[in-house]
Amino acid sequence: MQHHTISALVENSAGVLSQVSRLFSRKGYNIESLAVGVTDDPAISRITIIMIGDDLAAKQMISQFRKLRPVIYVQEMDAEQSVHRELLLVKVKTETKDARDEVIQISNIFRANIIDVSRGALTLSITGDTEKNNALIKLLEEFGILELARTGIVALERGPYTIHDENK
């Protein structure tokens, strides 16, 4: 079993996300990550889904995905030919000056931004691939993670290629 990144352009209308999630549920596949947002055209949204399964399962889901009425285009993203990122917000307990200084040093190493400071906690923001974000979380666990939120993965083709390019 492996991760597959499916990217789709869909009509930006009510109920589209519900149709997509029902499709995966009906077929018995779990969505590992899901990110949706409007594109440069306000009438079109981009959905990025990470699913776990074999190649046949991914091909089957893409085929079924294409049959949904609001879908404009769908494809599997090649991991080598695309960039993947997620946003992570994490609130860390920093009850002492030493703890606060150490969390600040770690955030600098990871190029994370400190977006909120209080006497007992720091909130960090970091954008990166899942492995980088997981490594930061692992280091911050010893201080005590108070809250954590992740956006889900978004992906784009590398270079001048777009989701519409058939012959890459």
N, C-alpha and C. Protein backbone atom coordinates (compact mmCIF):
# COMPACT_ATOMS: atom_id res chain seq x y z
N MET A 1 0.84 -1.18 0.00
CA MET A 1 0.00 0.00 0.00
C MET A 1 0.89 1.24 0.00
N GLN A 2 0.49 2.23 -0.76
CA GLN A 2 1.26 3.46 -0.85
C GLN A 2 0.33 4.67 -0.90
N HIS A 3 0.92 5.84 -0.69
CA HIS A 3 0.16 7.08 -0.76
C HIS A 3 -0.01 7.49 -2.22
N HIS A 4 -1.21 7.93 -2.55
CA HIS A 4 -1.50 8.46 -3.88
C HIS A 4 -2.09 9.85 -3.71
N THR A 5 -1.58 10.80 -4.48
CA THR A 5 -2.09 12.17 -4.44
C THR A 5 -2.99 12.38 -5.65
N ILE A 6 -4.25 12.66 -5.39
CA ILE A 6 -5.22 12.90 -6.45
C ILE A 6 -5.58 14.38 -6.41
N SER A 7 -5.46 15.03 -7.54
CA SER A 7 -5.78 16.45 -7.63
C SER A 7 -6.90 16.63 -8.63
N ALA A 8 -7.88 17.47 -8.28
CA ALA A 8 -9.04 17.66 -9.15
C ALA A 8 -9.45 19.12 -9.18
N LEU A 9 -9.91 19.54 -10.35
CA LEU A 9 -10.56 20.83 -10.48
C LEU A 9 -12.06 20.54 -10.56
N VAL A 10 -12.82 21.24 -9.74
CA VAL A 10 -14.27 21.01 -9.66
C VAL A 10 -15.00 22.35 -9.67
N GLU A 11 -16.28 22.28 -10.00
CA GLU A 11 -17.11 23.48 -9.91
C GLU A 11 -17.17 23.91 -8.45
N ASN A 12 -17.08 25.19 -8.21
CA ASN A 12 -17.14 25.73 -6.86
C ASN A 12 -18.62 25.92 -6.49
N SER A 13 -19.25 24.82 -6.06
CA SER A 13 -20.66 24.88 -5.72
C SER A 13 -20.93 24.01 -4.50
N ALA A 14 -22.08 24.25 -3.89
CA ALA A 14 -22.46 23.50 -2.69
C ALA A 14 -22.63 22.02 -3.00
N GLY A 15 -22.15 21.17 -2.10
CA GLY A 15 -22.36 19.74 -2.21
C GLY A 15 -21.28 18.95 -2.92
N VAL A 16 -20.33 19.63 -3.56
CA VAL A 16 -19.29 18.93 -4.31
C VAL A 16 -18.42 18.10 -3.37
N LEU A 17 -17.97 18.69 -2.28
CA LEU A 17 -17.12 17.98 -1.33
C LEU A 17 -17.85 16.77 -0.74
N SER A 18 -19.13 16.92 -0.50
CA SER A 18 -19.94 15.82 0.01
C SER A 18 -19.98 14.66 -0.98
N GLN A 19 -20.13 14.97 -2.27
CA GLN A 19 -20.14 13.93 -3.30
C GLN A 19 -18.80 13.18 -3.33
N VAL A 20 -17.72 13.93 -3.23
CA VAL A 20 -16.38 13.33 -3.28
C VAL A 20 -16.16 12.42 -2.08
N SER A 21 -16.49 12.90 -0.89
CA SER A 21 -16.25 12.09 0.31
C SER A 21 -17.15 10.85 0.31
N ARG A 22 -18.38 10.98 -0.19
CA ARG A 22 -19.27 9.80 -0.30
C ARG A 22 -18.70 8.77 -1.27
N LEU A 23 -18.11 9.24 -2.36
CA LEU A 23 -17.51 8.33 -3.34
C LEU A 23 -16.43 7.47 -2.68
N PHE A 24 -15.53 8.10 -1.93
CA PHE A 24 -14.47 7.36 -1.25
C PHE A 24 -15.05 6.42 -0.20
N SER A 25 -16.02 6.88 0.54
CA SER A 25 -16.66 6.07 1.57
C SER A 25 -17.36 4.85 0.97
N ARG A 26 -18.09 5.08 -0.11
CA ARG A 26 -18.81 3.99 -0.78
C ARG A 26 -17.87 2.90 -1.26
N LYS A 27 -16.70 3.30 -1.75
CA LYS A 27 -15.72 2.35 -2.28
C LYS A 27 -14.85 1.75 -1.17
N GLY A 28 -14.99 2.25 0.06
CA GLY A 28 -14.26 1.69 1.19
C GLY A 28 -12.83 2.18 1.34
N TYR A 29 -12.52 3.35 0.78
CA TYR A 29 -11.18 3.90 0.90
C TYR A 29 -11.18 5.08 1.85
N ASN A 30 -10.15 5.15 2.67
CA ASN A 30 -10.01 6.24 3.61
C ASN A 30 -9.27 7.41 2.96
N ILE A 31 -9.69 8.61 3.27
CA ILE A 31 -8.99 9.81 2.82
C ILE A 31 -7.99 10.17 3.92
N GLU A 32 -6.72 10.08 3.61
CA GLU A 32 -5.65 10.38 4.56
C GLU A 32 -5.51 11.88 4.79
N SER A 33 -5.65 12.66 3.71
CA SER A 33 -5.55 14.11 3.77
C SER A 33 -6.48 14.69 2.72
N LEU A 34 -7.08 15.83 3.04
CA LEU A 34 -8.02 16.48 2.13
C LEU A 34 -7.85 17.99 2.27
N ALA A 35 -7.63 18.66 1.15
CA ALA A 35 -7.52 20.12 1.14
C ALA A 35 -8.33 20.64 -0.04
N VAL A 36 -9.11 21.68 0.21
CA VAL A 36 -9.95 22.26 -0.83
C VAL A 36 -9.82 23.78 -0.77
N GLY A 37 -9.73 24.39 -1.92
CA GLY A 37 -9.70 25.85 -1.97
C GLY A 37 -10.01 26.35 -3.35
N VAL A 38 -10.46 27.58 -3.40
CA VAL A 38 -10.79 28.21 -4.67
C VAL A 38 -9.50 28.46 -5.46
N THR A 39 -9.58 28.43 -6.77
CA THR A 39 -8.41 28.67 -7.64
C THR A 39 -8.39 30.14 -8.05
N ASP A 40 -7.60 30.45 -9.07
CA ASP A 40 -7.58 31.82 -9.59
C ASP A 40 -8.90 32.19 -10.24
N ASP A 41 -9.72 31.19 -10.59
CA ASP A 41 -11.07 31.40 -11.11
C ASP A 41 -12.05 31.10 -9.97
N PRO A 42 -12.81 32.09 -9.51
CA PRO A 42 -13.71 31.87 -8.37
C PRO A 42 -14.79 30.82 -8.61
N ALA A 43 -15.01 30.42 -9.84
CA ALA A 43 -16.02 29.41 -10.14
C ALA A 43 -15.46 28.00 -10.03
N ILE A 44 -14.13 27.89 -9.82
CA ILE A 44 -13.47 26.57 -9.79
C ILE A 44 -12.69 26.41 -8.49
N SER A 45 -12.83 25.24 -7.87
CA SER A 45 -12.05 24.88 -6.69
C SER A 45 -11.11 23.74 -7.03
N ARG A 46 -10.02 23.67 -6.28
CA ARG A 46 -9.07 22.56 -6.44
C ARG A 46 -9.17 21.70 -5.19
N ILE A 47 -9.31 20.41 -5.40
CA ILE A 47 -9.34 19.44 -4.31
C ILE A 47 -8.08 18.59 -4.42
N THR A 48 -7.36 18.46 -3.30
CA THR A 48 -6.20 17.57 -3.24
C THR A 48 -6.49 16.52 -2.19
N ILE A 49 -6.44 15.26 -2.61
CA ILE A 49 -6.73 14.14 -1.73
C ILE A 49 -5.53 13.21 -1.69
N ILE A 50 -5.15 12.79 -0.48
CA ILE A 50 -4.14 11.76 -0.32
C ILE A 50 -4.88 10.52 0.15
N MET A 51 -4.75 9.44 -0.61
CA MET A 51 -5.36 8.17 -0.22
C MET A 51 -4.29 7.10 -0.14
N ILE A 52 -4.55 6.07 0.66
CA ILE A 52 -3.63 4.94 0.75
C ILE A 52 -4.28 3.76 0.04
N GLY A 53 -3.49 3.14 -0.83
CA GLY A 53 -3.99 1.98 -1.56
C GLY A 53 -2.98 1.57 -2.61
N ASP A 54 -3.31 0.53 -3.33
CA ASP A 54 -2.41 0.11 -4.41
C ASP A 54 -2.73 0.92 -5.68
N ASP A 55 -1.93 0.69 -6.73
CA ASP A 55 -2.10 1.45 -7.96
C ASP A 55 -3.48 1.22 -8.59
N LEU A 56 -3.98 0.00 -8.51
CA LEU A 56 -5.28 -0.32 -9.08
C LEU A 56 -6.39 0.46 -8.36
N ALA A 57 -6.30 0.55 -7.05
CA ALA A 57 -7.29 1.29 -6.27
C ALA A 57 -7.28 2.78 -6.65
N ALA A 58 -6.10 3.34 -6.81
CA ALA A 58 -5.99 4.76 -7.19
C ALA A 58 -6.59 4.99 -8.57
N LYS A 59 -6.29 4.10 -9.51
CA LYS A 59 -6.85 4.23 -10.86
C LYS A 59 -8.37 4.12 -10.84
N GLN A 60 -8.88 3.19 -10.03
CA GLN A 60 -10.33 3.01 -9.91
C GLN A 60 -10.98 4.28 -9.34
N MET A 61 -10.37 4.87 -8.30
CA MET A 61 -10.95 6.06 -7.69
C MET A 61 -10.92 7.24 -8.66
N ILE A 62 -9.86 7.39 -9.42
CA ILE A 62 -9.79 8.47 -10.41
C ILE A 62 -10.85 8.28 -11.47
N SER A 63 -11.03 7.05 -11.92
CA SER A 63 -12.07 6.76 -12.91
C SER A 63 -13.46 7.10 -12.39
N GLN A 64 -13.73 6.73 -11.15
CA GLN A 64 -15.03 7.04 -10.54
C GLN A 64 -15.18 8.55 -10.30
N PHE A 65 -14.10 9.18 -9.92
CA PHE A 65 -14.08 10.61 -9.66
C PHE A 65 -14.51 11.38 -10.92
N ARG A 66 -13.96 10.95 -12.08
CA ARG A 66 -14.26 11.62 -13.35
C ARG A 66 -15.75 11.59 -13.69
N LYS A 67 -16.46 10.62 -13.17
CA LYS A 67 -17.89 10.47 -13.49
C LYS A 67 -18.78 11.44 -12.73
N LEU A 68 -18.24 12.07 -11.68
CA LEU A 68 -19.03 13.03 -10.92
C LEU A 68 -19.29 14.28 -11.76
N ARG A 69 -20.53 14.74 -11.76
CA ARG A 69 -20.94 15.86 -12.60
C ARG A 69 -20.13 17.14 -12.38
N PRO A 70 -19.83 17.55 -11.16
CA PRO A 70 -19.12 18.82 -11.00
C PRO A 70 -17.62 18.75 -11.25
N VAL A 71 -17.08 17.59 -11.61
CA VAL A 71 -15.64 17.45 -11.82
C VAL A 71 -15.27 17.93 -13.22
N ILE A 72 -14.30 18.84 -13.27
CA ILE A 72 -13.82 19.37 -14.54
C ILE A 72 -12.62 18.57 -15.02
N TYR A 73 -11.71 18.26 -14.10
CA TYR A 73 -10.50 17.52 -14.45
C TYR A 73 -9.96 16.85 -13.20
N VAL A 74 -9.41 15.65 -13.36
CA VAL A 74 -8.81 14.94 -12.23
C VAL A 74 -7.61 14.14 -12.72
N GLN A 75 -6.59 14.06 -11.88
CA GLN A 75 -5.40 13.28 -12.21
C GLN A 75 -4.67 12.88 -10.94
N GLU A 76 -3.84 11.84 -11.06
CA GLU A 76 -2.94 11.50 -9.97
C GLU A 76 -1.65 12.29 -10.17
N MET A 77 -1.15 12.85 -9.10
CA MET A 77 0.08 13.63 -9.16
C MET A 77 1.27 12.70 -8.93
N ASP A 78 2.24 12.75 -9.81
CA ASP A 78 3.47 11.99 -9.66
C ASP A 78 4.32 12.66 -8.58
N ALA A 79 4.72 11.91 -7.57
CA ALA A 79 5.48 12.47 -6.45
C ALA A 79 6.78 13.13 -6.90
N GLU A 80 7.42 12.59 -7.93
CA GLU A 80 8.68 13.14 -8.43
C GLU A 80 8.46 14.44 -9.22
N GLN A 81 7.29 14.60 -9.80
CA GLN A 81 7.02 15.73 -10.68
C GLN A 81 6.10 16.78 -10.05
N SER A 82 5.97 16.75 -8.74
CA SER A 82 5.10 17.71 -8.07
C SER A 82 5.67 18.11 -6.72
N VAL A 83 5.19 19.23 -6.22
CA VAL A 83 5.58 19.70 -4.89
C VAL A 83 4.37 19.60 -3.98
N HIS A 84 4.60 19.14 -2.76
CA HIS A 84 3.53 18.95 -1.78
C HIS A 84 3.87 19.77 -0.53
N ARG A 85 2.88 20.47 0.00
CA ARG A 85 3.08 21.25 1.22
C ARG A 85 1.82 21.21 2.07
N GLU A 86 2.04 21.39 3.38
CA GLU A 86 0.92 21.56 4.30
C GLU A 86 1.29 22.63 5.31
N LEU A 87 0.27 23.26 5.86
CA LEU A 87 0.46 24.26 6.90
C LEU A 87 0.19 23.61 8.25
N LEU A 88 1.06 23.88 9.20
CA LEU A 88 0.92 23.35 10.56
C LEU A 88 0.93 24.52 11.53
N LEU A 89 -0.07 24.57 12.40
CA LEU A 89 -0.09 25.50 13.53
C LEU A 89 0.03 24.66 14.78
N VAL A 90 0.94 25.04 15.68
CA VAL A 90 1.14 24.27 16.91
C VAL A 90 1.38 25.22 18.08
N LYS A 91 0.62 25.00 19.14
CA LYS A 91 0.76 25.78 20.36
C LYS A 91 1.51 24.93 21.38
N VAL A 92 2.63 25.48 21.89
CA VAL A 92 3.54 24.74 22.75
C VAL A 92 3.61 25.40 24.12
N LYS A 93 3.60 24.57 25.15
CA LYS A 93 3.72 25.06 26.52
C LYS A 93 5.15 25.57 26.74
N THR A 94 5.27 26.81 27.23
CA THR A 94 6.58 27.40 27.54
C THR A 94 6.46 28.15 28.85
N GLU A 95 6.44 27.42 29.94
CA GLU A 95 6.20 28.02 31.25
C GLU A 95 7.44 28.70 31.84
N THR A 96 8.61 28.36 31.32
CA THR A 96 9.84 28.99 31.83
C THR A 96 10.55 29.72 30.70
N LYS A 97 11.43 30.63 31.07
CA LYS A 97 12.21 31.36 30.07
C LYS A 97 13.10 30.40 29.27
N ASP A 98 13.70 29.42 29.95
CA ASP A 98 14.55 28.44 29.25
C ASP A 98 13.75 27.67 28.20
N ALA A 99 12.55 27.23 28.58
CA ALA A 99 11.70 26.49 27.63
C ALA A 99 11.35 27.38 26.45
N ARG A 100 10.98 28.63 26.72
CA ARG A 100 10.62 29.57 25.65
C ARG A 100 11.81 29.79 24.72
N ASP A 101 13.02 30.00 25.30
CA ASP A 101 14.21 30.20 24.47
C ASP A 101 14.51 28.98 23.61
N GLU A 102 14.35 27.81 24.17
CA GLU A 102 14.63 26.58 23.42
C GLU A 102 13.63 26.39 22.29
N VAL A 103 12.35 26.66 22.53
CA VAL A 103 11.33 26.54 21.48
C VAL A 103 11.61 27.57 20.38
N ILE A 104 12.04 28.76 20.76
CA ILE A 104 12.38 29.78 19.75
C ILE A 104 13.55 29.31 18.89
N GLN A 105 14.57 28.70 19.51
CA GLN A 105 15.71 28.17 18.75
C GLN A 105 15.26 27.08 17.78
N ILE A 106 14.42 26.18 18.26
CA ILE A 106 13.93 25.10 17.39
C ILE A 106 13.13 25.69 16.23
N SER A 107 12.28 26.67 16.52
CA SER A 107 11.48 27.28 15.46
C SER A 107 12.38 27.96 14.43
N ASN A 108 13.47 28.58 14.86
CA ASN A 108 14.41 29.20 13.91
C ASN A 108 15.08 28.16 13.03
N ILE A 109 15.47 27.04 13.59
CA ILE A 109 16.10 25.97 12.82
C ILE A 109 15.16 25.46 11.74
N PHE A 110 13.87 25.33 12.06
CA PHE A 110 12.88 24.82 11.12
C PHE A 110 12.26 25.91 10.25
N ARG A 111 12.70 27.14 10.44
CA ARG A 111 12.14 28.29 9.73
C ARG A 111 10.64 28.43 9.96
N ALA A 112 10.24 28.15 11.18
CA ALA A 112 8.84 28.33 11.58
C ALA A 112 8.66 29.77 12.03
N ASN A 113 7.46 30.28 11.93
CA ASN A 113 7.15 31.63 12.39
C ASN A 113 6.44 31.56 13.73
N ILE A 114 6.84 32.43 14.64
CA ILE A 114 6.12 32.55 15.91
C ILE A 114 5.00 33.55 15.67
N ILE A 115 3.76 33.07 15.78
CA ILE A 115 2.62 33.92 15.43
C ILE A 115 1.83 34.40 16.64
N ASP A 116 2.11 33.82 17.82
CA ASP A 116 1.46 34.29 19.04
C ASP A 116 2.34 33.96 20.23
N VAL A 117 2.44 34.94 21.13
CA VAL A 117 3.27 34.77 22.32
C VAL A 117 2.42 35.12 23.53
N SER A 118 2.49 34.24 24.52
CA SER A 118 1.88 34.55 25.81
C SER A 118 2.86 34.09 26.89
N ARG A 119 2.53 34.36 28.14
CA ARG A 119 3.44 34.01 29.23
C ARG A 119 3.70 32.50 29.31
N GLY A 120 2.70 31.70 28.99
CA GLY A 120 2.86 30.26 29.15
C GLY A 120 2.89 29.44 27.87
N ALA A 121 2.83 30.12 26.71
CA ALA A 121 2.78 29.35 25.45
C ALA A 121 3.26 30.17 24.27
N LEU A 122 3.79 29.47 23.28
CA LEU A 122 4.14 30.04 21.99
C LEU A 122 3.35 29.29 20.93
N THR A 123 2.84 30.02 19.94
CA THR A 123 2.16 29.38 18.81
C THR A 123 3.03 29.56 17.58
N LEU A 124 3.34 28.45 16.92
CA LEU A 124 4.20 28.45 15.74
C LEU A 124 3.40 28.11 14.50
N SER A 125 3.87 28.63 13.38
CA SER A 125 3.30 28.33 12.08
C SER A 125 4.44 27.87 11.18
N ILE A 126 4.23 26.76 10.48
CA ILE A 126 5.26 26.25 9.57
C ILE A 126 4.59 25.66 8.34
N THR A 127 5.19 25.93 7.20
CA THR A 127 4.74 25.34 5.94
C THR A 127 5.86 24.46 5.43
N GLY A 128 5.53 23.23 5.09
CA GLY A 128 6.55 22.32 4.58
C GLY A 128 5.95 20.98 4.21
N ASP A 129 6.82 20.06 3.88
CA ASP A 129 6.32 18.72 3.59
C ASP A 129 6.01 18.01 4.91
N THR A 130 5.29 16.94 4.82
CA THR A 130 4.80 16.24 6.01
C THR A 130 5.95 15.78 6.90
N GLU A 131 7.03 15.31 6.33
CA GLU A 131 8.16 14.81 7.12
C GLU A 131 8.78 15.92 7.95
N LYS A 132 8.96 17.09 7.35
CA LYS A 132 9.52 18.23 8.08
C LYS A 132 8.59 18.62 9.23
N ASN A 133 7.30 18.70 8.96
CA ASN A 133 6.35 19.08 10.00
C ASN A 133 6.30 18.04 11.12
N ASN A 134 6.37 16.76 10.76
CA ASN A 134 6.39 15.71 11.78
C ASN A 134 7.65 15.78 12.65
N ALA A 135 8.78 16.13 12.04
CA ALA A 135 10.03 16.25 12.79
C ALA A 135 9.93 17.39 13.81
N LEU A 136 9.31 18.50 13.41
CA LEU A 136 9.13 19.62 14.34
C LEU A 136 8.22 19.20 15.49
N ILE A 137 7.13 18.53 15.18
CA ILE A 137 6.20 18.08 16.23
C ILE A 137 6.92 17.18 17.23
N LYS A 138 7.73 16.26 16.72
CA LYS A 138 8.45 15.33 17.59
C LYS A 138 9.35 16.09 18.58
N LEU A 139 10.05 17.11 18.09
CA LEU A 139 10.92 17.90 18.97
C LEU A 139 10.13 18.71 19.99
N LEU A 140 8.96 19.18 19.60
CA LEU A 140 8.17 20.03 20.50
C LEU A 140 7.37 19.24 21.53
N GLU A 141 7.21 17.95 21.32
CA GLU A 141 6.41 17.12 22.24
C GLU A 141 6.95 17.16 23.67
N GLU A 142 8.27 17.24 23.82
CA GLU A 142 8.85 17.24 25.17
C GLU A 142 8.46 18.48 25.98
N PHE A 143 8.08 19.56 25.32
CA PHE A 143 7.65 20.78 26.02
C PHE A 143 6.17 20.73 26.39
N GLY A 144 5.42 19.92 25.65
CA GLY A 144 3.99 19.82 25.85
C GLY A 144 3.23 20.58 24.77
N ILE A 145 2.63 19.84 23.88
CA ILE A 145 1.83 20.46 22.82
C ILE A 145 0.42 20.68 23.38
N LEU A 146 0.00 21.93 23.36
CA LEU A 146 -1.32 22.28 23.88
C LEU A 146 -2.40 22.12 22.82
N GLU A 147 -2.07 22.50 21.59
CA GLU A 147 -3.00 22.36 20.46
C GLU A 147 -2.20 22.22 19.18
N LEU A 148 -2.84 21.57 18.19
CA LEU A 148 -2.18 21.36 16.91
C LEU A 148 -3.25 21.33 15.84
N ALA A 149 -3.00 22.01 14.72
CA ALA A 149 -3.92 21.97 13.58
C ALA A 149 -3.10 21.87 12.30
N ARG A 150 -3.57 21.02 11.39
CA ARG A 150 -2.91 20.85 10.09
C ARG A 150 -3.93 21.09 9.00
N THR A 151 -3.47 21.66 7.89
CA THR A 151 -4.39 21.99 6.80
C THR A 151 -4.71 20.81 5.90
N GLY A 152 -3.86 19.85 5.83
CA GLY A 152 -3.95 18.85 4.77
C GLY A 152 -2.98 19.27 3.67
N ILE A 153 -2.63 18.36 2.83
CA ILE A 153 -1.60 18.59 1.82
C ILE A 153 -2.20 19.21 0.56
N VAL A 154 -1.51 20.20 0.03
CA VAL A 154 -1.83 20.75 -1.30
C VAL A 154 -0.64 20.44 -2.20
N ALA A 155 -0.89 20.32 -3.49
CA ALA A 155 0.17 19.94 -4.42
C ALA A 155 -0.02 20.62 -5.77
N LEU A 156 1.10 20.91 -6.42
CA LEU A 156 1.11 21.44 -7.78
C LEU A 156 2.21 20.74 -8.57
N GLU A 157 2.02 20.67 -9.89
CA GLU A 157 3.04 20.12 -10.78
C GLU A 157 4.29 20.99 -10.73
N ARG A 158 5.44 20.38 -10.89
CA ARG A 158 6.69 21.14 -10.97
C ARG A 158 6.81 21.79 -12.34
N GLY A 159 7.60 22.86 -12.40
CA GLY A 159 7.90 23.52 -13.67
C GLY A 159 6.68 24.17 -14.30
N PRO A 160 6.69 24.28 -15.63
CA PRO A 160 5.61 24.99 -16.32
C PRO A 160 4.33 24.17 -16.50
N TYR A 161 4.35 22.91 -16.10
CA TYR A 161 3.20 22.04 -16.33
C TYR A 161 2.04 22.38 -15.39
N THR A 162 0.82 22.11 -15.86
CA THR A 162 -0.37 22.34 -15.07
C THR A 162 -1.20 21.07 -15.04
N ILE A 163 -2.26 21.09 -14.29
CA ILE A 163 -3.14 19.94 -14.18
C ILE A 163 -3.76 19.58 -15.53
N HIS A 164 -3.85 20.55 -16.44
CA HIS A 164 -4.47 20.33 -17.74
C HIS A 164 -3.55 19.69 -18.77
N ASP A 165 -2.24 19.66 -18.51
CA ASP A 165 -1.29 19.16 -19.51
C ASP A 165 -1.36 17.64 -19.60
N GLU A 166 -1.75 17.15 -20.76
CA GLU A 166 -1.89 15.71 -20.99
C GLU A 166 -0.54 15.04 -21.28
N ASN A 167 0.30 15.71 -22.04
CA ASN A 167 1.57 15.11 -22.50
C ASN A 167 2.75 15.70 -21.75
N LYS A 168 3.06 15.13 -20.62
CA LYS A 168 4.18 15.64 -19.81
C LYS A 168 5.46 14.91 -20.13
